[in-house]
PDB file of N, CA and C in Angstrom:
ATOM      1  N   MET A   1       0.834  -1.178   0.000  1.00  0.00           N
ATOM      2  CA  MET A   1       0.000   0.000   0.000  1.00  0.00           C
ATOM      3  C   MET A   1       0.883   1.247   0.000  1.00  0.00           C
ATOM      4  N   ASN A   2       0.479   2.221  -0.742  1.00  0.00           N
ATOM      5  CA  ASN A   2       1.220   3.475  -0.834  1.00  0.00           C
ATOM      6  C   ASN A   2       1.084   4.262   0.468  1.00  0.00           C
ATOM      7  N   LYS A   3       2.195   4.614   1.097  1.00  0.00           N
ATOM      8  CA  LYS A   3       2.169   5.343   2.371  1.00  0.00           C
ATOM      9  C   LYS A   3       1.495   6.706   2.227  1.00  0.00           C
ATOM     10  N   VAL A   4       1.599   7.311   1.070  1.00  0.00           N
ATOM     11  CA  VAL A   4       1.026   8.637   0.863  1.00  0.00           C
ATOM     12  C   VAL A   4      -0.496   8.571   0.882  1.00  0.00           C
ATOM     13  N   ALA A   5      -1.067   7.447   0.483  1.00  0.00           N
ATOM     14  CA  ALA A   5      -2.515   7.308   0.418  1.00  0.00           C
ATOM     15  C   ALA A   5      -3.140   7.062   1.792  1.00  0.00           C
ATOM     16  N   GLN A   6      -2.352   6.695   2.781  1.00  0.00           N
ATOM     17  CA  GLN A   6      -2.864   6.436   4.113  1.00  0.00           C
ATOM     18  C   GLN A   6      -3.213   7.742   4.821  1.00  0.00           C
ATOM     19  N   PHE A   7      -3.857   7.594   5.984  1.00  0.00           N
ATOM     20  CA  PHE A   7      -4.163   8.782   6.788  1.00  0.00           C
ATOM     21  C   PHE A   7      -2.878   9.549   7.050  1.00  0.00           C
ATOM     22  N   PRO A   8      -2.861  10.823   6.748  1.00  0.00           N
ATOM     23  CA  PRO A   8      -1.613  11.595   6.845  1.00  0.00           C
ATOM     24  C   PRO A   8      -1.218  11.939   8.288  1.00  0.00           C
ATOM     25  N   LEU A   9      -0.526  11.024   8.949  1.00  0.00           N
ATOM     26  CA  LEU A   9      -0.044  11.286  10.303  1.00  0.00           C
ATOM     27  C   LEU A   9       0.942  12.449  10.331  1.00  0.00           C
ATOM     28  N   ILE A  10       1.520  12.750   9.186  1.00  0.00           N
ATOM     29  CA  ILE A  10       2.413  13.902   9.121  1.00  0.00           C
ATOM     30  C   ILE A  10       1.644  15.178   9.487  1.00  0.00           C
ATOM     31  N   LYS A  11       0.363  15.240   9.147  1.00  0.00           N
ATOM     32  CA  LYS A  11      -0.445  16.414   9.496  1.00  0.00           C
ATOM     33  C   LYS A  11      -0.684  16.485  11.004  1.00  0.00           C
ATOM     34  N   VAL A  12      -0.898  15.339  11.634  1.00  0.00           N
ATOM     35  CA  VAL A  12      -1.072  15.296  13.085  1.00  0.00           C
ATOM     36  C   VAL A  12       0.221  15.744  13.762  1.00  0.00           C
ATOM     37  N   ALA A  13       1.351  15.238  13.265  1.00  0.00           N
ATOM     38  CA  ALA A  13       2.657  15.632  13.806  1.00  0.00           C
ATOM     39  C   ALA A  13       2.872  17.131  13.614  1.00  0.00           C
ATOM     40  N   TYR A  14       2.571  17.619  12.429  1.00  0.00           N
ATOM     41  CA  TYR A  14       2.724  19.049  12.140  1.00  0.00           C
ATOM     42  C   TYR A  14       1.878  19.899  13.089  1.00  0.00           C
ATOM     43  N   ASN A  15       0.615  19.525  13.266  1.00  0.00           N
ATOM     44  CA  ASN A  15      -0.273  20.307  14.132  1.00  0.00           C
ATOM     45  C   ASN A  15       0.244  20.371  15.567  1.00  0.00           C
ATOM     46  N   LEU A  16       0.738  19.253  16.077  1.00  0.00           N
ATOM     47  CA  LEU A  16       1.288  19.241  17.432  1.00  0.00           C
ATOM     48  C   LEU A  16       2.531  20.125  17.523  1.00  0.00           C
ATOM     49  N   LEU A  17       3.436  19.977  16.562  1.00  0.00           N
ATOM     50  CA  LEU A  17       4.663  20.777  16.572  1.00  0.00           C
ATOM     51  C   LEU A  17       4.362  22.263  16.378  1.00  0.00           C
ATOM     52  N   LYS A  18       3.475  22.565  15.454  1.00  0.00           N
ATOM     53  CA  LYS A  18       3.139  23.964  15.164  1.00  0.00           C
ATOM     54  C   LYS A  18       2.499  24.639  16.378  1.00  0.00           C
ATOM     55  N   SER A  19       1.659  23.909  17.100  1.00  0.00           N
ATOM     56  CA  SER A  19       0.997  24.491  18.272  1.00  0.00           C
ATOM     57  C   SER A  19       1.982  24.769  19.406  1.00  0.00           C
ATOM     58  N   ALA A  20       3.162  24.162  19.336  1.00  0.00           N
ATOM     59  CA  ALA A  20       4.158  24.325  20.397  1.00  0.00           C
ATOM     60  C   ALA A  20       5.428  25.012  19.907  1.00  0.00           C
ATOM     61  N   GLU A  21       5.371  25.682  18.760  1.00  0.00           N
ATOM     62  CA  GLU A  21       6.594  26.251  18.188  1.00  0.00           C
ATOM     63  C   GLU A  21       7.207  27.358  19.043  1.00  0.00           C
ATOM     64  N   HIS A  22       6.494  27.846  20.034  1.00  0.00           N
ATOM     65  CA  HIS A  22       7.030  28.858  20.955  1.00  0.00           C
ATOM     66  C   HIS A  22       7.829  28.218  22.094  1.00  0.00           C
ATOM     67  N   LYS A  23       7.834  26.881  22.147  1.00  0.00           N
ATOM     68  CA  LYS A  23       8.553  26.150  23.197  1.00  0.00           C
ATOM     69  C   LYS A  23       9.870  25.599  22.660  1.00  0.00           C
ATOM     70  N   VAL A  24      10.730  25.186  23.576  1.00  0.00           N
ATOM     71  CA  VAL A  24      11.991  24.548  23.197  1.00  0.00           C
ATOM     72  C   VAL A  24      11.705  23.120  22.743  1.00  0.00           C
ATOM     73  N   PHE A  25      12.302  22.736  21.626  1.00  0.00           N
ATOM     74  CA  PHE A  25      12.223  21.360  21.141  1.00  0.00           C
ATOM     75  C   PHE A  25      13.515  20.649  21.517  1.00  0.00           C
ATOM     76  N   ASN A  26      13.376  19.449  22.032  1.00  0.00           N
ATOM     77  CA  ASN A  26      14.523  18.582  22.305  1.00  0.00           C
ATOM     78  C   ASN A  26      14.544  17.536  21.200  1.00  0.00           C
ATOM     79  N   VAL A  27      15.402  17.734  20.226  1.00  0.00           N
ATOM     80  CA  VAL A  27      15.471  16.866  19.052  1.00  0.00           C
ATOM     81  C   VAL A  27      16.707  15.985  19.160  1.00  0.00           C
ATOM     82  N   ASP A  28      16.492  14.687  19.042  1.00  0.00           N
ATOM     83  CA  ASP A  28      17.605  13.734  19.032  1.00  0.00           C
ATOM     84  C   ASP A  28      17.501  12.875  17.787  1.00  0.00           C
ATOM     85  N   LEU A  29      18.626  12.668  17.125  1.00  0.00           N
ATOM     86  CA  LEU A  29      18.708  11.781  15.968  1.00  0.00           C
ATOM     87  C   LEU A  29      19.443  10.525  16.401  1.00  0.00           C
ATOM     88  N   TYR A  30      18.787   9.393  16.225  1.00  0.00           N
ATOM     89  CA  TYR A  30      19.368   8.104  16.594  1.00  0.00           C
ATOM     90  C   TYR A  30      19.658   7.287  15.341  1.00  0.00           C
ATOM     91  N   ASN A  31      20.693   6.473  15.433  1.00  0.00           N
ATOM     92  CA  ASN A  31      21.048   5.567  14.346  1.00  0.00           C
ATOM     93  C   ASN A  31      21.359   4.187  14.927  1.00  0.00           C
ATOM     94  N   GLY A  32      20.426   3.673  15.713  1.00  0.00           N
ATOM     95  CA  GLY A  32      20.580   2.347  16.289  1.00  0.00           C
ATOM     96  C   GLY A  32      21.444   2.296  17.530  1.00  0.00           C
ATOM     97  N   LEU A  33      21.943   3.417  17.982  1.00  0.00           N
ATOM     98  CA  LEU A  33      22.774   3.467  19.174  1.00  0.00           C
ATOM     99  C   LEU A  33      21.928   3.923  20.356  1.00  0.00           C
ATOM    100  N   ASP A  34      22.413   3.645  21.563  1.00  0.00           N
ATOM    101  CA  ASP A  34      21.686   4.070  22.760  1.00  0.00           C
ATOM    102  C   ASP A  34      21.715   5.581  22.937  1.00  0.00           C
ATOM    103  N   ALA A  35      22.797   6.201  22.525  1.00  0.00           N
ATOM    104  CA  ALA A  35      22.938   7.653  22.644  1.00  0.00           C
ATOM    105  C   ALA A  35      22.691   8.301  21.283  1.00  0.00           C
ATOM    106  N   PRO A  36      22.091   9.483  21.273  1.00  0.00           N
ATOM    107  CA  PRO A  36      21.848  10.158  19.992  1.00  0.00           C
ATOM    108  C   PRO A  36      23.151  10.554  19.305  1.00  0.00           C
ATOM    109  N   ILE A  37      23.109  10.564  17.968  1.00  0.00           N
ATOM    110  CA  ILE A  37      24.280  10.990  17.198  1.00  0.00           C
ATOM    111  C   ILE A  37      24.224  12.489  16.902  1.00  0.00           C
ATOM    112  N   LEU A  38      23.060  13.096  17.161  1.00  0.00           N
ATOM    113  CA  LEU A  38      22.878  14.532  16.973  1.00  0.00           C
ATOM    114  C   LEU A  38      21.791  14.999  17.932  1.00  0.00           C
ATOM    115  N   SER A  39      21.993  16.146  18.554  1.00  0.00           N
ATOM    116  CA  SER A  39      20.980  16.716  19.450  1.00  0.00           C
ATOM    117  C   SER A  39      20.834  18.205  19.181  1.00  0.00           C
ATOM    118  N   ILE A  40      19.592  18.656  19.216  1.00  0.00           N
ATOM    119  CA  ILE A  40      19.275  20.073  19.075  1.00  0.00           C
ATOM    120  C   ILE A  40      18.367  20.432  20.248  1.00  0.00           C
ATOM    121  N   ARG A  41      18.669  21.527  20.935  1.00  0.00           N
ATOM    122  CA  ARG A  41      17.850  21.996  22.055  1.00  0.00           C
ATOM    123  C   ARG A  41      17.589  23.486  21.860  1.00  0.00           C
ATOM    124  N   GLU A  42      16.513  23.795  21.141  1.00  0.00           N
ATOM    125  CA  GLU A  42      16.173  25.205  20.922  1.00  0.00           C
ATOM    126  C   GLU A  42      14.769  25.330  20.365  1.00  0.00           C
ATOM    127  N   LYS A  43      14.279  26.555  20.346  1.00  0.00           N
ATOM    128  CA  LYS A  43      12.982  26.834  19.752  1.00  0.00           C
ATOM    129  C   LYS A  43      13.141  26.841  18.232  1.00  0.00           C
ATOM    130  N   PRO A  44      12.178  26.279  17.527  1.00  0.00           N
ATOM    131  CA  PRO A  44      12.257  26.352  16.065  1.00  0.00           C
ATOM    132  C   PRO A  44      11.977  27.771  15.584  1.00  0.00           C
ATOM    133  N   GLU A  45      12.612  28.138  14.478  1.00  0.00           N
ATOM    134  CA  GLU A  45      12.351  29.449  13.881  1.00  0.00           C
ATOM    135  C   GLU A  45      11.097  29.416  13.023  1.00  0.00           C
ATOM    136  N   LYS A  46      10.869  28.279  12.347  1.00  0.00           N
ATOM    137  CA  LYS A  46       9.629  28.102  11.589  1.00  0.00           C
ATOM    138  C   LYS A  46       9.399  26.624  11.321  1.00  0.00           C
ATOM    139  N   ILE A  47       8.125  26.291  11.144  1.00  0.00           N
ATOM    140  CA  ILE A  47       7.711  24.923  10.840  1.00  0.00           C
ATOM    141  C   ILE A  47       6.766  25.010   9.651  1.00  0.00           C
ATOM    142  N   ILE A  48       7.069  24.253   8.607  1.00  0.00           N
ATOM    143  CA  ILE A  48       6.305  24.337   7.362  1.00  0.00           C
ATOM    144  C   ILE A  48       5.828  22.941   6.970  1.00  0.00           C
ATOM    145  N   LEU A  49       4.573  22.850   6.549  1.00  0.00           N
ATOM    146  CA  LEU A  49       4.035  21.622   5.965  1.00  0.00           C
ATOM    147  C   LEU A  49       3.660  21.948   4.534  1.00  0.00           C
ATOM    148  N   ASP A  50       4.156  21.152   3.589  1.00  0.00           N
ATOM    149  CA  ASP A  50       3.944  21.434   2.175  1.00  0.00           C
ATOM    150  C   ASP A  50       3.649  20.128   1.445  1.00  0.00           C
ATOM    151  N   TYR A  51       2.731  20.177   0.483  1.00  0.00           N
ATOM    152  CA  TYR A  51       2.470  19.004  -0.351  1.00  0.00           C
ATOM    153  C   TYR A  51       3.408  19.060  -1.549  1.00  0.00           C
ATOM    154  N   ILE A  52       4.170  17.985  -1.769  1.00  0.00           N
ATOM    155  CA  ILE A  52       5.136  17.951  -2.871  1.00  0.00           C
ATOM    156  C   ILE A  52       4.485  17.365  -4.123  1.00  0.00           C
ATOM    157  N   ASP A  53       4.162  16.080  -4.099  1.00  0.00           N
ATOM    158  CA  ASP A  53       3.503  15.413  -5.220  1.00  0.00           C
ATOM    159  C   ASP A  53       3.007  14.044  -4.754  1.00  0.00           C
ATOM    160  N   GLU A  54       2.428  13.257  -5.689  1.00  0.00           N
ATOM    161  CA  GLU A  54       1.887  11.945  -5.326  1.00  0.00           C
ATOM    162  C   GLU A  54       2.955  10.973  -4.846  1.00  0.00           C
ATOM    163  N   THR A  55       4.155  11.092  -5.342  1.00  0.00           N
ATOM    164  CA  THR A  55       5.238  10.181  -4.961  1.00  0.00           C
ATOM    165  C   THR A  55       5.799  10.518  -3.590  1.00  0.00           C
ATOM    166  N   GLU A  56       6.096  11.783  -3.352  1.00  0.00           N
ATOM    167  CA  GLU A  56       6.703  12.221  -2.089  1.00  0.00           C
ATOM    168  C   GLU A  56       5.669  12.437  -0.992  1.00  0.00           C
ATOM    169  N   GLY A  57       4.464  12.832  -1.375  1.00  0.00           N
ATOM    170  CA  GLY A  57       3.441  13.165  -0.391  1.00  0.00           C
ATOM    171  C   GLY A  57       3.743  14.503   0.257  1.00  0.00           C
ATOM    172  N   TYR A  58       3.393  14.627   1.520  1.00  0.00           N
ATOM    173  CA  TYR A  58       3.665  15.860   2.261  1.00  0.00           C
ATOM    174  C   TYR A  58       5.098  15.874   2.764  1.00  0.00           C
ATOM    175  N   GLU A  59       5.589  17.085   2.990  1.00  0.00           N
ATOM    176  CA  GLU A  59       6.928  17.289   3.536  1.00  0.00           C
ATOM    177  C   GLU A  59       6.809  18.250   4.713  1.00  0.00           C
ATOM    178  N   ILE A  60       7.475  17.915   5.807  1.00  0.00           N
ATOM    179  CA  ILE A  60       7.527  18.807   6.957  1.00  0.00           C
ATOM    180  C   ILE A  60       8.953  19.328   7.085  1.00  0.00           C
ATOM    181  N   ASP A  61       9.071  20.638   7.250  1.00  0.00           N
ATOM    182  CA  ASP A  61      10.374  21.301   7.426  1.00  0.00           C
ATOM    183  C   ASP A  61      10.361  21.994   8.781  1.00  0.00           C
ATOM    184  N   ILE A  62      11.374  21.717   9.579  1.00  0.00           N
ATOM    185  CA  ILE A  62      11.535  22.389  10.867  1.00  0.00           C
ATOM    186  C   ILE A  62      12.871  23.115  10.821  1.00  0.00           C
ATOM    187  N   HIS A  63      12.812  24.436  10.877  1.00  0.00           N
ATOM    188  CA  HIS A  63      14.021  25.256  10.784  1.00  0.00           C
ATOM    189  C   HIS A  63      14.419  25.765  12.164  1.00  0.00           C
ATOM    190  N   PHE A  64      15.685  25.546  12.494  1.00  0.00           N
ATOM    191  CA  PHE A  64      16.282  26.068  13.716  1.00  0.00           C
ATOM    192  C   PHE A  64      17.318  27.111  13.314  1.00  0.00           C
ATOM    193  N   LYS A  65      17.972  27.704  14.285  1.00  0.00           N
ATOM    194  CA  LYS A  65      18.932  28.769  13.994  1.00  0.00           C
ATOM    195  C   LYS A  65      20.036  28.304  13.042  1.00  0.00           C
ATOM    196  N   ASN A  66      20.662  27.160  13.317  1.00  0.00           N
ATOM    197  CA  ASN A  66      21.795  26.696  12.508  1.00  0.00           C
ATOM    198  C   ASN A  66      21.580  25.335  11.855  1.00  0.00           C
ATOM    199  N   SER A  67      20.360  24.846  11.862  1.00  0.00           N
ATOM    200  CA  SER A  67      20.098  23.535  11.266  1.00  0.00           C
ATOM    201  C   SER A  67      18.618  23.415  10.920  1.00  0.00           C
ATOM    202  N   TYR A  68      18.294  22.358  10.219  1.00  0.00           N
ATOM    203  CA  TYR A  68      16.898  22.109   9.890  1.00  0.00           C
ATOM    204  C   TYR A  68      16.680  20.624   9.653  1.00  0.00           C
ATOM    205  N   ILE A  69      15.421  20.221   9.752  1.00  0.00           N
ATOM    206  CA  ILE A  69      15.010  18.842   9.509  1.00  0.00           C
ATOM    207  C   ILE A  69      13.989  18.880   8.384  1.00  0.00           C
ATOM    208  N   VAL A  70      14.156  18.018   7.399  1.00  0.00           N
ATOM    209  CA  VAL A  70      13.193  17.872   6.315  1.00  0.00           C
ATOM    210  C   VAL A  70      12.811  16.400   6.249  1.00  0.00           C
ATOM    211  N   ALA A  71      11.507  16.127   6.305  1.00  0.00           N
ATOM    212  CA  ALA A  71      11.041  14.741   6.272  1.00  0.00           C
ATOM    213  C   ALA A  71       9.796  14.645   5.400  1.00  0.00           C
ATOM    214  N   THR A  72       9.793  13.686   4.477  1.00  0.00           N
ATOM    215  CA  THR A  72       8.636  13.464   3.609  1.00  0.00           C
ATOM    216  C   THR A  72       7.926  12.177   4.009  1.00  0.00           C
ATOM    217  N   GLU A  73       6.678  12.060   3.577  1.00  0.00           N
ATOM    218  CA  GLU A  73       5.915  10.832   3.829  1.00  0.00           C
ATOM    219  C   GLU A  73       6.548   9.631   3.130  1.00  0.00           C
ATOM    220  N   LYS A  74       7.188   9.872   2.008  1.00  0.00           N
ATOM    221  CA  LYS A  74       7.827   8.775   1.280  1.00  0.00           C
ATOM    222  C   LYS A  74       8.993   8.195   2.077  1.00  0.00           C
ATOM    223  N   ASP A  75       9.760   9.047   2.725  1.00  0.00           N
ATOM    224  CA  ASP A  75      10.994   8.622   3.387  1.00  0.00           C
ATOM    225  C   ASP A  75      10.851   8.320   4.870  1.00  0.00           C
ATOM    226  N   PHE A  76       9.779   8.787   5.497  1.00  0.00           N
ATOM    227  CA  PHE A  76       9.620   8.613   6.939  1.00  0.00           C
ATOM    228  C   PHE A  76       8.205   8.174   7.298  1.00  0.00           C
ATOM    229  N   THR A  77       8.104   7.437   8.390  1.00  0.00           N
ATOM    230  CA  THR A  77       6.833   7.116   9.018  1.00  0.00           C
ATOM    231  C   THR A  77       6.741   7.985  10.263  1.00  0.00           C
ATOM    232  N   PHE A  78       5.567   8.520  10.522  1.00  0.00           N
ATOM    233  CA  PHE A  78       5.392   9.472  11.613  1.00  0.00           C
ATOM    234  C   PHE A  78       4.577   8.849  12.739  1.00  0.00           C
ATOM    235  N   HIS A  79       5.044   9.045  13.961  1.00  0.00           N
ATOM    236  CA  HIS A  79       4.359   8.562  15.154  1.00  0.00           C
ATOM    237  C   HIS A  79       4.210   9.736  16.110  1.00  0.00           C
ATOM    238  N   VAL A  80       3.034   9.851  16.710  1.00  0.00           N
ATOM    239  CA  VAL A  80       2.759  10.958  17.619  1.00  0.00           C
ATOM    240  C   VAL A  80       2.311  10.403  18.962  1.00  0.00           C
ATOM    241  N   ASP A  81       2.935  10.873  20.030  1.00  0.00           N
ATOM    242  CA  ASP A  81       2.540  10.535  21.397  1.00  0.00           C
ATOM    243  C   ASP A  81       2.111  11.839  22.061  1.00  0.00           C
ATOM    244  N   LYS A  82       0.811  12.129  21.998  1.00  0.00           N
ATOM    245  CA  LYS A  82       0.302  13.405  22.514  1.00  0.00           C
ATOM    246  C   LYS A  82       0.413  13.494  24.033  1.00  0.00           C
ATOM    247  N   GLU A  83       0.350  12.361  24.714  1.00  0.00           N
ATOM    248  CA  GLU A  83       0.456  12.370  26.176  1.00  0.00           C
ATOM    249  C   GLU A  83       1.829  12.850  26.632  1.00  0.00           C
ATOM    250  N   ARG A  84       2.850  12.506  25.876  1.00  0.00           N
ATOM    251  CA  ARG A  84       4.221  12.908  26.225  1.00  0.00           C
ATOM    252  C   ARG A  84       4.703  14.102  25.409  1.00  0.00           C
ATOM    253  N   ASP A  85       3.846  14.660  24.561  1.00  0.00           N
ATOM    254  CA  ASP A  85       4.241  15.744  23.651  1.00  0.00           C
ATOM    255  C   ASP A  85       5.500  15.359  22.890  1.00  0.00           C
ATOM    256  N   CYS A  86       5.414  14.240  22.206  1.00  0.00           N
ATOM    257  CA  CYS A  86       6.578  13.689  21.517  1.00  0.00           C
ATOM    258  C   CYS A  86       6.182  13.226  20.117  1.00  0.00           C
ATOM    259  N   VAL A  87       7.069  13.472  19.155  1.00  0.00           N
ATOM    260  CA  VAL A  87       6.863  13.055  17.774  1.00  0.00           C
ATOM    261  C   VAL A  87       8.097  12.284  17.322  1.00  0.00           C
ATOM    262  N   PHE A  88       7.867  11.196  16.597  1.00  0.00           N
ATOM    263  CA  PHE A  88       8.960  10.401  16.037  1.00  0.00           C
ATOM    264  C   PHE A  88       8.858  10.432  14.520  1.00  0.00           C
ATOM    265  N   PHE A  89       9.986  10.659  13.853  1.00  0.00           N
ATOM    266  CA  PHE A  89      10.109  10.513  12.407  1.00  0.00           C
ATOM    267  C   PHE A  89      11.012   9.303  12.203  1.00  0.00           C
ATOM    268  N   VAL A  90      10.467   8.194  11.735  1.00  0.00           N
ATOM    269  CA  VAL A  90      11.225   6.953  11.583  1.00  0.00           C
ATOM    270  C   VAL A  90      11.516   6.731  10.101  1.00  0.00           C
ATOM    271  N   SER A  91      12.782   6.559   9.773  1.00  0.00           N
ATOM    272  CA  SER A  91      13.194   6.397   8.377  1.00  0.00           C
ATOM    273  C   SER A  91      12.643   5.110   7.781  1.00  0.00           C
ATOM    274  N   ASN A  92      12.131   5.205   6.565  1.00  0.00           N
ATOM    275  CA  ASN A  92      11.689   4.028   5.820  1.00  0.00           C
ATOM    276  C   ASN A  92      12.838   3.402   5.039  1.00  0.00           C
ATOM    277  N   ASN A  93      13.961   4.111   4.919  1.00  0.00           N
ATOM    278  CA  ASN A  93      15.062   3.678   4.067  1.00  0.00           C
ATOM    279  C   ASN A  93      16.287   3.192   4.822  1.00  0.00           C
ATOM    280  N   HIS A  94      16.441   3.628   6.068  1.00  0.00           N
ATOM    281  CA  HIS A  94      17.634   3.280   6.842  1.00  0.00           C
ATOM    282  C   HIS A  94      17.203   2.678   8.176  1.00  0.00           C
ATOM    283  N   GLU A  95      17.497   1.424   8.345  1.00  0.00           N
ATOM    284  CA  GLU A  95      17.113   0.721   9.568  1.00  0.00           C
ATOM    285  C   GLU A  95      17.700   1.420  10.797  1.00  0.00           C
ATOM    286  N   ASN A  96      16.895   1.583  11.815  1.00  0.00           N
ATOM    287  CA  ASN A  96      17.285   2.164  13.109  1.00  0.00           C
ATOM    288  C   ASN A  96      17.558   3.664  13.073  1.00  0.00           C
ATOM    289  N   LEU A  97      17.239   4.346  12.001  1.00  0.00           N
ATOM    290  CA  LEU A  97      17.442   5.795  11.925  1.00  0.00           C
ATOM    291  C   LEU A  97      16.113   6.488  12.217  1.00  0.00           C
ATOM    292  N   TYR A  98      16.111   7.339  13.248  1.00  0.00           N
ATOM    293  CA  TYR A  98      14.893   8.076  13.554  1.00  0.00           C
ATOM    294  C   TYR A  98      15.189   9.342  14.349  1.00  0.00           C
ATOM    295  N   PHE A  99      14.275  10.298  14.204  1.00  0.00           N
ATOM    296  CA  PHE A  99      14.299  11.525  14.991  1.00  0.00           C
ATOM    297  C   PHE A  99      13.274  11.386  16.106  1.00  0.00           C
ATOM    298  N   MET A 100      13.629  11.824  17.292  1.00  0.00           N
ATOM    299  CA  MET A 100      12.682  11.935  18.390  1.00  0.00           C
ATOM    300  C   MET A 100      12.624  13.412  18.765  1.00  0.00           C
ATOM    301  N   ILE A 101      11.429  13.984  18.705  1.00  0.00           N
ATOM    302  CA  ILE A 101      11.251  15.394  19.033  1.00  0.00           C
ATOM    303  C   ILE A 101      10.351  15.477  20.262  1.00  0.00           C
ATOM    304  N   LEU A 102      10.933  15.874  21.362  1.00  0.00           N
ATOM    305  CA  LEU A 102      10.214  16.029  22.619  1.00  0.00           C
ATOM    306  C   LEU A 102      10.009  17.520  22.855  1.00  0.00           C
ATOM    307  N   ILE A 103       8.760  17.905  23.024  1.00  0.00           N
ATOM    308  CA  ILE A 103       8.445  19.317  23.218  1.00  0.00           C
ATOM    309  C   ILE A 103       8.571  19.633  24.697  1.00  0.00           C
ATOM    310  N   GLY A 104       9.407  20.607  25.016  1.00  0.00           N
ATOM    311  CA  GLY A 104       9.655  20.901  26.424  1.00  0.00           C
ATOM    312  C   GLY A 104       9.405  22.286  26.706  1.00  0.00           C
TER     313      GLY A 104
END
């Protein structure tokens, strides 16, 4: 089944992140290790949700002062834990690669 045709969890993730863009995001990038290989602790400068095309689906962009995250529906699966104010972007292409964004 085409991931783009499924319920767009990227929109749920976007709405949660956008509603909290005035808060500090604790972003960790994991690659199968216990400790993150990259960490960002700051407020985002902007968060954008854009529709690319049928192949890519939606794309979410999170811009920070010196870095940014870009994730499409084609390349990532999105998980939202509203109770913990946490969003996961899990790579569809690289085993054990994922972003964890905890809103603090």
